[in-house]
Amino acid sequence: MGCRPRPGLLLWLLAGACGLALLAYCLRFDRQRRGAPDFKRRLRERRKKECKQAKEREKELRELKDTTKIQEFFLQEIQLGELWLARGEQKKGIEHLVNAISVCKHPAQLIQVLEQTLPPQIFEMLAHRIPSVMQRLETALNEEDASDE
């Protein structure tokens, strides 16, 4: 009678070996990516671009004193949000929808409509973004009010 390992143990060992191989591959890939000559330059460019876009959004939000501009901005943000979601860019779509919610006169009604029309996971991501964007809008408007005085 030979010493035969249990099938469950063999499966666990095989799964562990596969997991270890996957981890080694990920570490190698990450090291290769970070070691690329233009990695830091591309990273800096991407961060500058994101920062510039955020500043442009804040500037647009500060300009929203006029109701017609608010309505135009609202419609534009809804359309852009729908467009990005249709393209599969969830983060960008959610960002635009949250901007629309932040300038909406009746945000609760808009949130209810979005809850009914958006898939649950996207609506959940949207719900998590609302407080931070609302705070950013209040900060931008407060800064503008302080500069007006």
C-alpha atoms as a PDB file:
ATOM      1  CA  MET A   1       0.000   0.000   0.000  1.00  0.00           C
ATOM      2  CA  GLY A   2       1.546   3.214  -1.181  1.00  0.00           C
ATOM      3  CA  CYS A   3       1.230   6.562   0.425  1.00  0.00           C
ATOM      4  CA  ARG A   4      -1.198   8.393  -1.806  1.00  0.00           C
ATOM      5  CA  PRO A   5      -2.017  12.084  -1.123  1.00  0.00           C
ATOM      6  CA  ARG A   6      -5.634  13.074  -0.742  1.00  0.00           C
ATOM      7  CA  PRO A   7      -7.244  14.638  -3.844  1.00  0.00           C
ATOM      8  CA  GLY A   8      -8.302  17.744  -1.886  1.00  0.00           C
ATOM      9  CA  LEU A   9      -4.755  18.404  -0.752  1.00  0.00           C
ATOM     10  CA  LEU A  10      -3.467  18.033  -4.292  1.00  0.00           C
ATOM     11  CA  LEU A  11      -6.027  20.569  -5.541  1.00  0.00           C
ATOM     12  CA  TRP A  12      -5.032  23.040  -2.815  1.00  0.00           C
ATOM     13  CA  LEU A  13      -1.368  22.649  -3.680  1.00  0.00           C
ATOM     14  CA  LEU A  14      -2.120  23.139  -7.384  1.00  0.00           C
ATOM     15  CA  ALA A  15      -4.229  26.227  -6.656  1.00  0.00           C
ATOM     16  CA  GLY A  16      -1.472  27.629  -4.448  1.00  0.00           C
ATOM     17  CA  ALA A  17       1.131  27.045  -7.143  1.00  0.00           C
ATOM     18  CA  CYS A  18      -1.065  28.780  -9.744  1.00  0.00           C
ATOM     19  CA  GLY A  19      -1.640  31.691  -7.384  1.00  0.00           C
ATOM     20  CA  LEU A  20       2.076  31.989  -6.756  1.00  0.00           C
ATOM     21  CA  ALA A  21       2.794  31.907 -10.489  1.00  0.00           C
ATOM     22  CA  LEU A  22       0.196  34.645 -11.079  1.00  0.00           C
ATOM     23  CA  LEU A  23       1.695  36.781  -8.318  1.00  0.00           C
ATOM     24  CA  ALA A  24       5.194  36.343  -9.766  1.00  0.00           C
ATOM     25  CA  TYR A  25       3.919  37.343 -13.219  1.00  0.00           C
ATOM     26  CA  CYS A  26       2.192  40.451 -11.820  1.00  0.00           C
ATOM     27  CA  LEU A  27       5.303  41.505  -9.940  1.00  0.00           C
ATOM     28  CA  ARG A  28       7.456  41.014 -13.035  1.00  0.00           C
ATOM     29  CA  PHE A  29       5.017  42.951 -15.199  1.00  0.00           C
ATOM     30  CA  ASP A  30       4.855  45.813 -12.676  1.00  0.00           C
ATOM     31  CA  ARG A  31       8.634  45.992 -12.424  1.00  0.00           C
ATOM     32  CA  GLN A  32       8.908  46.031 -16.220  1.00  0.00           C
ATOM     33  CA  ARG A  33       6.246  48.764 -16.477  1.00  0.00           C
ATOM     34  CA  ARG A  34       7.898  50.947 -13.833  1.00  0.00           C
ATOM     35  CA  GLY A  35      11.303  50.367 -15.383  1.00  0.00           C
ATOM     36  CA  ALA A  36      10.193  51.696 -18.760  1.00  0.00           C
ATOM     37  CA  PRO A  37      12.194  54.795 -19.688  1.00  0.00           C
ATOM     38  CA  ASP A  38       9.132  57.001 -20.211  1.00  0.00           C
ATOM     39  CA  PHE A  39       7.005  55.692 -17.311  1.00  0.00           C
ATOM     40  CA  LYS A  40       7.588  58.650 -14.997  1.00  0.00           C
ATOM     41  CA  ARG A  41       7.157  61.168 -17.812  1.00  0.00           C
ATOM     42  CA  ARG A  42       3.827  59.631 -18.867  1.00  0.00           C
ATOM     43  CA  LEU A  43       2.687  59.453 -15.252  1.00  0.00           C
ATOM     44  CA  ARG A  44       3.500  63.151 -14.704  1.00  0.00           C
ATOM     45  CA  GLU A  45       1.757  64.110 -17.953  1.00  0.00           C
ATOM     46  CA  ARG A  46      -1.361  62.151 -16.998  1.00  0.00           C
ATOM     47  CA  ARG A  47      -1.465  63.729 -13.536  1.00  0.00           C
ATOM     48  CA  LYS A  48      -0.990  67.235 -14.976  1.00  0.00           C
ATOM     49  CA  LYS A  49      -3.759  66.581 -17.485  1.00  0.00           C
ATOM     50  CA  GLU A  50      -6.137  65.363 -14.753  1.00  0.00           C
ATOM     51  CA  CYS A  51      -5.280  68.363 -12.567  1.00  0.00           C
ATOM     52  CA  LYS A  52      -5.849  70.753 -15.468  1.00  0.00           C
ATOM     53  CA  GLN A  53      -9.211  69.147 -16.240  1.00  0.00           C
ATOM     54  CA  ALA A  54     -10.248  69.417 -12.583  1.00  0.00           C
ATOM     55  CA  LYS A  55      -9.319  73.112 -12.535  1.00  0.00           C
ATOM     56  CA  GLU A  56     -11.307  73.702 -15.731  1.00  0.00           C
ATOM     57  CA  ARG A  57     -14.332  71.976 -14.176  1.00  0.00           C
ATOM     58  CA  GLU A  58     -14.042  74.137 -11.056  1.00  0.00           C
ATOM     59  CA  LYS A  59     -13.802  77.246 -13.244  1.00  0.00           C
ATOM     60  CA  GLU A  60     -16.960  76.191 -15.087  1.00  0.00           C
ATOM     61  CA  LEU A  61     -18.731  75.612 -11.783  1.00  0.00           C
ATOM     62  CA  ARG A  62     -17.757  79.080 -10.535  1.00  0.00           C
ATOM     63  CA  GLU A  63     -19.248  80.648 -13.653  1.00  0.00           C
ATOM     64  CA  LEU A  64     -22.681  79.207 -12.901  1.00  0.00           C
ATOM     65  CA  LYS A  65     -24.313  82.318 -11.494  1.00  0.00           C
ATOM     66  CA  ASP A  66     -26.629  82.865 -14.469  1.00  0.00           C
ATOM     67  CA  THR A  67     -29.636  80.517 -14.652  1.00  0.00           C
ATOM     68  CA  THR A  68     -29.385  80.051 -18.422  1.00  0.00           C
ATOM     69  CA  LYS A  69     -25.751  79.040 -18.026  1.00  0.00           C
ATOM     70  CA  ILE A  70     -26.796  76.651 -15.273  1.00  0.00           C
ATOM     71  CA  GLN A  71     -29.428  75.066 -17.514  1.00  0.00           C
ATOM     72  CA  GLU A  72     -26.987  74.751 -20.416  1.00  0.00           C
ATOM     73  CA  PHE A  73     -24.355  73.279 -18.125  1.00  0.00           C
ATOM     74  CA  PHE A  74     -26.905  70.849 -16.640  1.00  0.00           C
ATOM     75  CA  LEU A  75     -28.023  69.578 -20.047  1.00  0.00           C
ATOM     76  CA  GLN A  76     -24.449  69.350 -21.291  1.00  0.00           C
ATOM     77  CA  GLU A  77     -23.388  67.315 -18.254  1.00  0.00           C
ATOM     78  CA  ILE A  78     -26.359  64.933 -18.575  1.00  0.00           C
ATOM     79  CA  GLN A  79     -25.579  64.385 -22.262  1.00  0.00           C
ATOM     80  CA  LEU A  80     -21.873  63.862 -21.624  1.00  0.00           C
ATOM     81  CA  GLY A  81     -22.644  61.480 -18.767  1.00  0.00           C
ATOM     82  CA  GLU A  82     -24.928  59.410 -20.970  1.00  0.00           C
ATOM     83  CA  LEU A  83     -22.383  59.456 -23.788  1.00  0.00           C
ATOM     84  CA  TRP A  84     -19.496  58.258 -21.588  1.00  0.00           C
ATOM     85  CA  LEU A  85     -21.642  55.560 -19.975  1.00  0.00           C
ATOM     86  CA  ALA A  86     -22.712  54.347 -23.430  1.00  0.00           C
ATOM     87  CA  ARG A  87     -19.029  54.125 -24.400  1.00  0.00           C
ATOM     88  CA  GLY A  88     -18.269  52.102 -21.279  1.00  0.00           C
ATOM     89  CA  GLU A  89     -16.299  54.860 -19.519  1.00  0.00           C
ATOM     90  CA  GLN A  90     -18.067  54.629 -16.174  1.00  0.00           C
ATOM     91  CA  LYS A  91     -15.820  57.000 -14.201  1.00  0.00           C
ATOM     92  CA  LYS A  92     -16.142  59.811 -16.732  1.00  0.00           C
ATOM     93  CA  GLY A  93     -19.878  59.271 -17.109  1.00  0.00           C
ATOM     94  CA  ILE A  94     -20.436  59.305 -13.371  1.00  0.00           C
ATOM     95  CA  GLU A  95     -18.340  62.465 -12.990  1.00  0.00           C
ATOM     96  CA  HIS A  96     -20.562  64.306 -15.474  1.00  0.00           C
ATOM     97  CA  LEU A  97     -23.787  63.009 -13.917  1.00  0.00           C
ATOM     98  CA  VAL A  98     -22.645  64.097 -10.461  1.00  0.00           C
ATOM     99  CA  ASN A  99     -21.843  67.549 -11.848  1.00  0.00           C
ATOM    100  CA  ALA A 100     -25.381  67.700 -13.226  1.00  0.00           C
ATOM    101  CA  ILE A 101     -26.811  66.654  -9.854  1.00  0.00           C
ATOM    102  CA  SER A 102     -24.767  69.319  -8.094  1.00  0.00           C
ATOM    103  CA  VAL A 103     -26.331  72.160 -10.118  1.00  0.00           C
ATOM    104  CA  CYS A 104     -29.835  70.705 -10.340  1.00  0.00           C
ATOM    105  CA  LYS A 105     -32.631  72.610  -8.588  1.00  0.00           C
ATOM    106  CA  HIS A 106     -34.316  69.341  -7.578  1.00  0.00           C
ATOM    107  CA  PRO A 107     -31.481  66.850  -7.049  1.00  0.00           C
ATOM    108  CA  ALA A 108     -33.629  64.321  -5.175  1.00  0.00           C
ATOM    109  CA  GLN A 109     -35.917  63.883  -8.181  1.00  0.00           C
ATOM    110  CA  LEU A 110     -32.980  63.559 -10.556  1.00  0.00           C
ATOM    111  CA  ILE A 111     -31.356  60.985  -8.280  1.00  0.00           C
ATOM    112  CA  GLN A 112     -34.599  58.966  -8.265  1.00  0.00           C
ATOM    113  CA  VAL A 113     -34.709  59.024 -12.069  1.00  0.00           C
ATOM    114  CA  LEU A 114     -31.075  57.971 -12.294  1.00  0.00           C
ATOM    115  CA  GLU A 115     -31.661  55.199  -9.764  1.00  0.00           C
ATOM    116  CA  GLN A 116     -34.434  53.796 -11.949  1.00  0.00           C
ATOM    117  CA  THR A 117     -32.518  54.092 -15.220  1.00  0.00           C
ATOM    118  CA  LEU A 118     -28.923  53.212 -14.305  1.00  0.00           C
ATOM    119  CA  PRO A 119     -27.666  49.721 -13.507  1.00  0.00           C
ATOM    120  CA  PRO A 120     -27.323  49.173  -9.728  1.00  0.00           C
ATOM    121  CA  GLN A 121     -23.508  49.026  -9.642  1.00  0.00           C
ATOM    122  CA  ILE A 122     -23.189  52.287 -11.607  1.00  0.00           C
ATOM    123  CA  PHE A 123     -25.791  54.003  -9.426  1.00  0.00           C
ATOM    124  CA  GLU A 124     -23.897  52.875  -6.332  1.00  0.00           C
ATOM    125  CA  MET A 125     -20.679  54.402  -7.707  1.00  0.00           C
ATOM    126  CA  LEU A 126     -22.633  57.578  -8.445  1.00  0.00           C
ATOM    127  CA  ALA A 127     -24.041  57.700  -4.916  1.00  0.00           C
ATOM    128  CA  HIS A 128     -20.539  57.432  -3.441  1.00  0.00           C
ATOM    129  CA  ARG A 129     -19.275  60.358  -5.582  1.00  0.00           C
ATOM    130  CA  ILE A 130     -22.080  62.816  -4.801  1.00  0.00           C
ATOM    131  CA  PRO A 131     -20.836  64.079  -1.382  1.00  0.00           C
ATOM    132  CA  SER A 132     -17.291  64.851  -2.550  1.00  0.00           C
ATOM    133  CA  VAL A 133     -18.471  66.732  -5.643  1.00  0.00           C
ATOM    134  CA  MET A 134     -21.056  68.687  -3.645  1.00  0.00           C
ATOM    135  CA  GLN A 135     -18.326  69.693  -1.203  1.00  0.00           C
ATOM    136  CA  ARG A 136     -16.066  70.740  -4.089  1.00  0.00           C
ATOM    137  CA  LEU A 137     -18.884  72.850  -5.573  1.00  0.00           C
ATOM    138  CA  GLU A 138     -19.560  74.560  -2.237  1.00  0.00           C
ATOM    139  CA  THR A 139     -15.854  75.291  -1.822  1.00  0.00           C
ATOM    140  CA  ALA A 140     -15.613  76.763  -5.323  1.00  0.00           C
ATOM    141  CA  LEU A 141     -18.690  78.935  -4.796  1.00  0.00           C
ATOM    142  CA  ASN A 142     -17.468  80.096  -1.368  1.00  0.00           C
ATOM    143  CA  GLU A 143     -14.101  81.060  -2.846  1.00  0.00           C
ATOM    144  CA  GLU A 144     -15.859  83.061  -5.534  1.00  0.00           C
ATOM    145  CA  ASP A 145     -18.063  84.800  -2.978  1.00  0.00           C
ATOM    146  CA  ALA A 146     -14.998  85.663  -0.903  1.00  0.00           C
ATOM    147  CA  SER A 147     -13.202  87.086  -3.958  1.00  0.00           C
ATOM    148  CA  ASP A 148     -16.280  89.170  -4.872  1.00  0.00           C
ATOM    149  CA  GLU A 149     -16.225  90.907  -1.496  1.00  0.00           C
END
